[in-house]
Protein backbone atom coordinates (compact mmCIF):
# COMPACT_ATOMS: atom_id res chain seq x y z
CA MET A 1 5.69 3.90 -18.18
CA LEU A 2 3.12 1.80 -16.33
CA PHE A 3 1.95 2.07 -12.73
CA VAL A 4 1.32 -1.31 -11.08
CA ALA A 5 -0.69 -1.33 -7.85
CA ASN A 6 -1.91 -3.82 -5.24
CA LEU A 7 1.29 -5.87 -5.37
CA GLY A 8 2.22 -8.20 -2.55
CA PHE A 9 4.77 -6.74 -0.14
CA ASN A 10 7.26 -9.53 -0.82
CA ILE A 11 7.67 -8.90 -4.58
CA ASP A 12 10.97 -7.27 -5.59
CA ASP A 13 12.17 -5.47 -8.74
CA ALA A 14 13.19 -8.76 -10.42
CA GLY A 15 9.83 -10.35 -9.58
CA LEU A 16 7.95 -7.39 -11.03
CA SER A 17 10.02 -7.57 -14.20
CA ALA A 18 9.47 -11.35 -14.43
CA LEU A 19 5.70 -10.88 -14.11
CA PHE A 20 5.73 -8.81 -17.31
CA THR A 21 8.30 -10.84 -19.25
CA ASP A 22 6.40 -14.07 -18.46
CA ALA A 23 3.37 -12.43 -20.13
CA GLY A 24 5.44 -11.74 -23.26
CA ILE A 25 5.99 -8.03 -22.53
CA HIS A 26 9.37 -6.41 -23.26
CA VAL A 27 10.59 -4.73 -20.05
CA VAL A 28 13.07 -1.84 -20.14
CA SER A 29 13.06 -1.38 -16.35
CA ALA A 30 10.96 -2.28 -13.32
CA ARG A 31 11.06 -0.74 -9.87
CA ILE A 32 9.14 -1.38 -6.66
CA VAL A 33 8.56 1.74 -4.53
CA ARG A 34 9.91 1.22 -1.02
CA ARG A 35 9.53 3.02 2.29
CA ARG A 36 12.25 5.56 3.04
CA TRP A 37 12.86 4.33 6.56
CA GLY A 38 13.53 1.00 8.18
CA GLN A 39 15.80 -1.92 7.56
CA PRO A 40 15.08 -3.59 5.30
CA ARG A 41 13.18 -0.93 3.36
CA LYS A 42 9.76 -2.55 2.86
CA SER A 43 7.67 -2.36 -0.31
CA LYS A 44 4.75 0.06 -0.41
CA GLY A 45 2.83 -2.40 -2.61
CA TYR A 46 3.22 -0.62 -5.93
CA GLY A 47 5.80 0.03 -8.59
CA PHE A 48 6.58 1.30 -12.07
CA VAL A 49 7.46 -0.65 -15.21
CA ASP A 50 8.89 0.89 -18.37
CA VAL A 51 7.91 -1.21 -21.38
CA GLY A 52 9.24 1.18 -24.02
CA SER A 53 6.31 1.86 -26.33
CA GLU A 54 2.61 2.64 -26.23
CA ALA A 55 1.88 -0.62 -28.07
CA GLU A 56 3.69 -2.59 -25.34
CA GLN A 57 1.83 -0.57 -22.68
CA GLN A 58 -1.54 -1.56 -24.13
CA LYS A 59 -0.43 -5.17 -24.52
CA ALA A 60 0.65 -5.23 -20.87
CA ILE A 61 -2.59 -3.66 -19.63
CA ASN A 62 -4.66 -6.16 -21.62
CA ALA A 63 -2.60 -9.12 -20.38
CA LEU A 64 -2.14 -8.20 -16.71
CA GLN A 65 -4.96 -5.88 -15.58
CA ASP A 66 -6.80 -7.52 -12.66
CA LYS A 67 -4.54 -10.60 -12.82
CA GLU A 68 -4.21 -12.46 -9.54
CA VAL A 69 -0.64 -12.34 -8.26
CA GLY A 70 0.07 -13.80 -4.84
CA GLY A 71 -3.61 -13.78 -3.91
CA ARG A 72 -4.12 -10.13 -4.92
CA ASN A 73 -5.63 -8.71 -8.10
CA ILE A 74 -3.15 -6.20 -9.47
CA ALA A 75 -4.01 -2.94 -11.23
CA VAL A 76 -1.98 -1.89 -14.29
CA LYS A 77 -2.42 1.64 -15.64
CA VAL A 78 -0.51 4.14 -17.75
CA ALA A 79 1.35 6.46 -15.39
CA VAL A 80 1.26 10.21 -16.04
CA ASN A 81 3.03 13.32 -14.76
CA THR A 82 1.20 15.97 -12.81
CA PRO A 83 1.99 19.69 -12.95
CA HIS A 84 4.52 20.83 -10.33
CA ASP A 85 5.13 24.34 -9.03
CA ASP A 86 8.25 26.03 -10.39
CA GLU A 87 10.47 28.40 -8.36
CA ASP A 88 8.07 31.35 -8.90
CA GLY A 89 5.17 29.38 -7.42
CA LYS A 90 3.32 29.15 -10.73
CA ALA A 91 2.02 25.80 -11.96
CA ASP A 92 3.90 24.28 -14.89
CA ALA A 93 1.70 24.54 -17.99
CA ALA A 94 3.49 21.78 -19.91
CA PRO A 95 1.23 18.91 -21.01
CA ALA A 96 1.50 15.59 -19.21
CA SER A 97 3.60 12.91 -20.87
CA ALA A 98 3.78 9.14 -20.57
CA GLU A 99 6.85 9.42 -18.28
CA ALA A 100 5.40 9.17 -14.89
CA THR A 101 4.97 9.41 -11.20
CA VAL A 102 1.19 9.39 -10.68
CA VAL A 103 -1.56 7.25 -12.16
CA ALA A 104 -4.27 8.47 -14.47
CA SER A 105 -7.67 7.37 -13.26
């Protein structure tokens, strides 16, 4: 899973997917994160793209990192999980995986 930041606010899920497929990257899914409130729900300027494999992730990062899209240079990084508290209030000790919600810096 890849985290894509600094996207223009007018790009949608299909546009994000097309950005990767036009660069020769196989896309499993692509999703723009949108605000919870308002009509229409506006983009927050970032999203997630699942490209399936680590090899495709690296290919995508090499091809698209810092690429200008709509006048903005996008950031493409591998997304990672962060530990969450379980019901007992203890932090989850499981190692982070490539399935993601937050970007590794």
